[in-house]
Amino acid sequence: MAINRRMVRQRIHRRIRKKVNGTAERPRLTVHFSGRHVYAQAIDDDAGKTLVAASTLQKERAGKASANRETAERIGKSIAEKLREKNIQSVVFDRGGY
């Protein structure tokens, strides 16, 4: 069976997810870049819930959609503020196979 790029990334992703687990005190932070938007989530894997999320699709970010470094920094600051409001000081970064 031929191995393509997608299959290799999925294999790496599964290997990482075995080791990276988020809790309520230290959630898993995932970041996804599409061609136009940036999405970030802090996930509690024990409860199976997303604690906070930020993206360029949110109303306060409307009209500023672009997947570049400046936008990623804004989304990072936004999710950091939301995490601080919930008294969460640290996260586990899930690099998602990349």
N, C-alpha and C. Protein backbone atom coordinates (compact mmCIF):
# COMPACT_ATOMS: atom_id res chain seq x y z
N MET A 1 0.84 -1.18 0.00
CA MET A 1 0.00 0.00 0.00
C MET A 1 0.88 1.24 0.00
N ALA A 2 0.59 2.15 -0.87
CA ALA A 2 1.37 3.38 -0.97
C ALA A 2 1.07 4.29 0.22
N ILE A 3 2.11 4.91 0.76
CA ILE A 3 1.94 5.84 1.87
C ILE A 3 2.02 7.25 1.31
N ASN A 4 0.99 8.03 1.55
CA ASN A 4 1.01 9.41 1.07
C ASN A 4 1.18 10.36 2.26
N ARG A 5 1.25 11.62 1.97
CA ARG A 5 1.50 12.64 2.99
C ARG A 5 0.43 12.66 4.08
N ARG A 6 -0.82 12.53 3.66
CA ARG A 6 -1.92 12.57 4.62
C ARG A 6 -1.84 11.41 5.61
N MET A 7 -1.52 10.24 5.12
CA MET A 7 -1.42 9.07 5.99
C MET A 7 -0.26 9.20 6.98
N VAL A 8 0.84 9.76 6.53
CA VAL A 8 1.98 9.96 7.41
C VAL A 8 1.62 10.96 8.51
N ARG A 9 0.97 12.04 8.15
CA ARG A 9 0.57 13.04 9.15
C ARG A 9 -0.41 12.45 10.15
N GLN A 10 -1.35 11.64 9.68
CA GLN A 10 -2.32 11.02 10.59
C GLN A 10 -1.63 10.06 11.56
N ARG A 11 -0.64 9.34 11.09
CA ARG A 11 0.11 8.43 11.95
C ARG A 11 0.85 9.21 13.03
N ILE A 12 1.48 10.31 12.64
CA ILE A 12 2.19 11.16 13.61
C ILE A 12 1.18 11.74 14.60
N HIS A 13 0.03 12.19 14.10
CA HIS A 13 -1.00 12.77 14.96
C HIS A 13 -1.48 11.76 16.01
N ARG A 14 -1.72 10.52 15.61
CA ARG A 14 -2.15 9.49 16.55
C ARG A 14 -1.08 9.23 17.61
N ARG A 15 0.17 9.22 17.21
CA ARG A 15 1.27 8.99 18.15
C ARG A 15 1.35 10.13 19.17
N ILE A 16 1.18 11.37 18.72
CA ILE A 16 1.22 12.52 19.62
C ILE A 16 0.04 12.50 20.58
N ARG A 17 -1.16 12.17 20.07
CA ARG A 17 -2.37 12.18 20.90
C ARG A 17 -2.33 11.14 22.01
N LYS A 18 -1.53 10.08 21.84
CA LYS A 18 -1.37 9.09 22.91
C LYS A 18 -0.69 9.73 24.12
N LYS A 19 0.18 10.68 23.87
CA LYS A 19 0.99 11.29 24.93
C LYS A 19 0.40 12.59 25.46
N VAL A 20 -0.32 13.33 24.64
CA VAL A 20 -0.84 14.65 25.01
C VAL A 20 -2.29 14.52 25.45
N ASN A 21 -2.55 14.88 26.71
CA ASN A 21 -3.90 14.78 27.25
C ASN A 21 -4.20 16.05 28.05
N GLY A 22 -5.33 16.66 27.82
CA GLY A 22 -5.70 17.88 28.53
C GLY A 22 -6.61 17.60 29.72
N THR A 23 -6.46 18.39 30.76
CA THR A 23 -7.32 18.30 31.93
C THR A 23 -7.98 19.66 32.15
N ALA A 24 -8.83 19.75 33.17
CA ALA A 24 -9.48 21.03 33.46
C ALA A 24 -8.47 22.06 33.93
N GLU A 25 -7.44 21.63 34.68
CA GLU A 25 -6.42 22.56 35.17
C GLU A 25 -5.39 22.90 34.11
N ARG A 26 -5.12 21.95 33.21
CA ARG A 26 -4.13 22.17 32.15
C ARG A 26 -4.67 21.60 30.84
N PRO A 27 -5.49 22.38 30.14
CA PRO A 27 -6.14 21.88 28.92
C PRO A 27 -5.17 21.77 27.75
N ARG A 28 -5.62 21.01 26.75
CA ARG A 28 -4.85 20.83 25.53
C ARG A 28 -5.19 21.97 24.58
N LEU A 29 -4.17 22.66 24.07
CA LEU A 29 -4.37 23.78 23.15
C LEU A 29 -4.11 23.30 21.73
N THR A 30 -5.12 23.40 20.89
CA THR A 30 -4.96 23.05 19.48
C THR A 30 -5.13 24.29 18.64
N VAL A 31 -4.35 24.38 17.58
CA VAL A 31 -4.42 25.51 16.66
C VAL A 31 -4.53 24.96 15.25
N HIS A 32 -5.45 25.51 14.48
CA HIS A 32 -5.64 25.07 13.10
C HIS A 32 -5.61 26.30 12.19
N PHE A 33 -4.84 26.20 11.12
CA PHE A 33 -4.77 27.25 10.11
C PHE A 33 -5.40 26.72 8.84
N SER A 34 -6.44 27.40 8.36
CA SER A 34 -6.96 27.07 7.04
C SER A 34 -6.38 28.11 6.08
N GLY A 35 -6.83 28.11 4.86
CA GLY A 35 -6.33 29.09 3.91
C GLY A 35 -6.70 30.52 4.27
N ARG A 36 -7.83 30.70 4.95
CA ARG A 36 -8.32 32.04 5.27
C ARG A 36 -8.41 32.35 6.75
N HIS A 37 -8.56 31.34 7.58
CA HIS A 37 -8.87 31.57 8.99
C HIS A 37 -7.91 30.85 9.92
N VAL A 38 -7.91 31.31 11.18
CA VAL A 38 -7.12 30.70 12.24
C VAL A 38 -8.09 30.33 13.35
N TYR A 39 -7.97 29.10 13.86
CA TYR A 39 -8.84 28.61 14.92
C TYR A 39 -7.96 28.11 16.07
N ALA A 40 -8.36 28.38 17.31
CA ALA A 40 -7.65 27.87 18.48
C ALA A 40 -8.68 27.41 19.50
N GLN A 41 -8.38 26.28 20.17
CA GLN A 41 -9.28 25.74 21.18
C GLN A 41 -8.47 25.24 22.36
N ALA A 42 -9.02 25.38 23.56
CA ALA A 42 -8.46 24.77 24.76
C ALA A 42 -9.46 23.69 25.17
N ILE A 43 -8.99 22.43 25.19
CA ILE A 43 -9.88 21.28 25.35
C ILE A 43 -9.55 20.52 26.62
N ASP A 44 -10.60 20.19 27.39
CA ASP A 44 -10.49 19.31 28.55
C ASP A 44 -10.85 17.91 28.07
N ASP A 45 -9.85 17.05 27.90
CA ASP A 45 -10.10 15.71 27.38
C ASP A 45 -10.80 14.81 28.39
N ASP A 46 -10.60 15.07 29.68
CA ASP A 46 -11.26 14.25 30.70
C ASP A 46 -12.78 14.39 30.62
N ALA A 47 -13.25 15.62 30.45
CA ALA A 47 -14.69 15.87 30.35
C ALA A 47 -15.17 15.83 28.90
N GLY A 48 -14.24 15.89 27.95
CA GLY A 48 -14.63 15.88 26.54
C GLY A 48 -15.27 17.18 26.10
N LYS A 49 -14.82 18.31 26.68
CA LYS A 49 -15.43 19.60 26.37
C LYS A 49 -14.37 20.63 25.98
N THR A 50 -14.79 21.55 25.12
CA THR A 50 -13.95 22.69 24.79
C THR A 50 -14.19 23.76 25.83
N LEU A 51 -13.11 24.19 26.51
CA LEU A 51 -13.24 25.19 27.57
C LEU A 51 -13.35 26.59 26.99
N VAL A 52 -12.46 26.95 26.08
CA VAL A 52 -12.50 28.25 25.41
C VAL A 52 -12.07 28.05 23.96
N ALA A 53 -12.52 28.96 23.11
CA ALA A 53 -12.14 28.91 21.71
C ALA A 53 -12.04 30.33 21.17
N ALA A 54 -11.21 30.50 20.16
CA ALA A 54 -11.06 31.78 19.49
C ALA A 54 -10.78 31.51 18.01
N SER A 55 -11.32 32.34 17.16
CA SER A 55 -11.05 32.20 15.73
C SER A 55 -11.30 33.52 15.02
N THR A 56 -10.89 33.56 13.78
CA THR A 56 -11.11 34.77 12.99
C THR A 56 -12.57 34.84 12.51
N LEU A 57 -13.37 33.82 12.77
CA LEU A 57 -14.78 33.83 12.38
C LEU A 57 -15.67 34.52 13.41
N GLN A 58 -15.14 34.83 14.58
CA GLN A 58 -15.94 35.46 15.62
C GLN A 58 -16.32 36.89 15.23
N LYS A 59 -17.43 37.36 15.77
CA LYS A 59 -17.97 38.67 15.38
C LYS A 59 -17.01 39.82 15.64
N GLU A 60 -16.28 39.78 16.77
CA GLU A 60 -15.35 40.88 17.06
C GLU A 60 -14.16 40.89 16.11
N ARG A 61 -13.96 39.79 15.39
CA ARG A 61 -12.86 39.71 14.43
C ARG A 61 -13.34 39.81 12.98
N ALA A 62 -14.62 40.06 12.78
CA ALA A 62 -15.19 40.09 11.42
C ALA A 62 -14.49 41.14 10.57
N GLY A 63 -14.23 40.78 9.33
CA GLY A 63 -13.58 41.70 8.41
C GLY A 63 -12.07 41.69 8.52
N LYS A 64 -11.53 40.94 9.47
CA LYS A 64 -10.08 40.87 9.66
C LYS A 64 -9.56 39.46 9.38
N ALA A 65 -10.28 38.71 8.57
CA ALA A 65 -9.92 37.32 8.32
C ALA A 65 -8.72 37.20 7.39
N SER A 66 -7.69 36.59 7.89
CA SER A 66 -6.51 36.29 7.11
C SER A 66 -5.65 35.36 7.94
N ALA A 67 -5.11 34.34 7.32
CA ALA A 67 -4.29 33.37 8.05
C ALA A 67 -2.82 33.76 7.95
N ASN A 68 -2.44 34.86 8.62
CA ASN A 68 -1.05 35.27 8.61
C ASN A 68 -0.54 35.39 10.05
N ARG A 69 0.70 35.80 10.20
CA ARG A 69 1.32 35.86 11.53
C ARG A 69 0.62 36.86 12.46
N GLU A 70 0.28 38.02 11.92
CA GLU A 70 -0.37 39.05 12.73
C GLU A 70 -1.71 38.54 13.29
N THR A 71 -2.47 37.89 12.44
CA THR A 71 -3.76 37.34 12.86
C THR A 71 -3.56 36.24 13.90
N ALA A 72 -2.58 35.39 13.70
CA ALA A 72 -2.29 34.32 14.65
C ALA A 72 -1.93 34.90 16.02
N GLU A 73 -1.18 35.99 16.05
CA GLU A 73 -0.83 36.63 17.31
C GLU A 73 -2.09 37.18 18.00
N ARG A 74 -3.00 37.78 17.23
CA ARG A 74 -4.24 38.30 17.80
C ARG A 74 -5.10 37.18 18.39
N ILE A 75 -5.19 36.07 17.67
CA ILE A 75 -5.97 34.94 18.16
C ILE A 75 -5.32 34.36 19.41
N GLY A 76 -3.98 34.28 19.43
CA GLY A 76 -3.27 33.78 20.60
C GLY A 76 -3.51 34.65 21.83
N LYS A 77 -3.47 35.95 21.65
CA LYS A 77 -3.74 36.86 22.77
C LYS A 77 -5.19 36.74 23.23
N SER A 78 -6.09 36.58 22.29
CA SER A 78 -7.50 36.45 22.63
C SER A 78 -7.76 35.20 23.45
N ILE A 79 -7.21 34.07 23.03
CA ILE A 79 -7.45 32.83 23.79
C ILE A 79 -6.73 32.87 25.13
N ALA A 80 -5.58 33.55 25.20
CA ALA A 80 -4.87 33.69 26.48
C ALA A 80 -5.70 34.50 27.47
N GLU A 81 -6.34 35.56 27.02
CA GLU A 81 -7.21 36.36 27.89
C GLU A 81 -8.38 35.53 28.40
N LYS A 82 -8.99 34.75 27.51
CA LYS A 82 -10.12 33.91 27.91
C LYS A 82 -9.69 32.85 28.92
N LEU A 83 -8.49 32.29 28.74
CA LEU A 83 -7.99 31.29 29.69
C LEU A 83 -7.71 31.93 31.05
N ARG A 84 -7.15 33.14 31.06
CA ARG A 84 -6.88 33.83 32.33
C ARG A 84 -8.18 34.13 33.08
N GLU A 85 -9.24 34.47 32.34
CA GLU A 85 -10.54 34.72 32.97
C GLU A 85 -11.05 33.48 33.70
N LYS A 86 -10.69 32.30 33.21
CA LYS A 86 -11.10 31.04 33.83
C LYS A 86 -10.05 30.52 34.81
N ASN A 87 -9.05 31.36 35.13
CA ASN A 87 -7.96 31.01 36.06
C ASN A 87 -7.16 29.79 35.61
N ILE A 88 -6.90 29.70 34.33
CA ILE A 88 -6.05 28.64 33.77
C ILE A 88 -4.73 29.28 33.39
N GLN A 89 -3.65 28.81 34.01
CA GLN A 89 -2.35 29.43 33.83
C GLN A 89 -1.45 28.72 32.82
N SER A 90 -1.67 27.42 32.58
CA SER A 90 -0.80 26.70 31.64
C SER A 90 -1.63 25.75 30.79
N VAL A 91 -1.10 25.42 29.62
CA VAL A 91 -1.76 24.51 28.69
C VAL A 91 -0.74 23.51 28.16
N VAL A 92 -1.25 22.45 27.55
CA VAL A 92 -0.43 21.48 26.84
C VAL A 92 -0.65 21.75 25.36
N PHE A 93 0.41 22.03 24.62
CA PHE A 93 0.25 22.35 23.21
C PHE A 93 0.21 21.07 22.38
N ASP A 94 -0.85 20.92 21.61
CA ASP A 94 -1.02 19.78 20.72
C ASP A 94 -0.66 20.25 19.31
N ARG A 95 0.48 19.81 18.81
CA ARG A 95 0.93 20.29 17.51
C ARG A 95 0.21 19.60 16.36
N GLY A 96 -0.59 18.62 16.64
CA GLY A 96 -1.50 18.06 15.65
C GLY A 96 -0.85 17.34 14.48
N GLY A 97 0.31 16.79 14.64
CA GLY A 97 0.93 16.02 13.57
C GLY A 97 1.82 16.82 12.65
N TYR A 98 2.02 18.09 12.93
CA TYR A 98 2.89 18.91 12.08
C TYR A 98 4.20 19.14 12.77
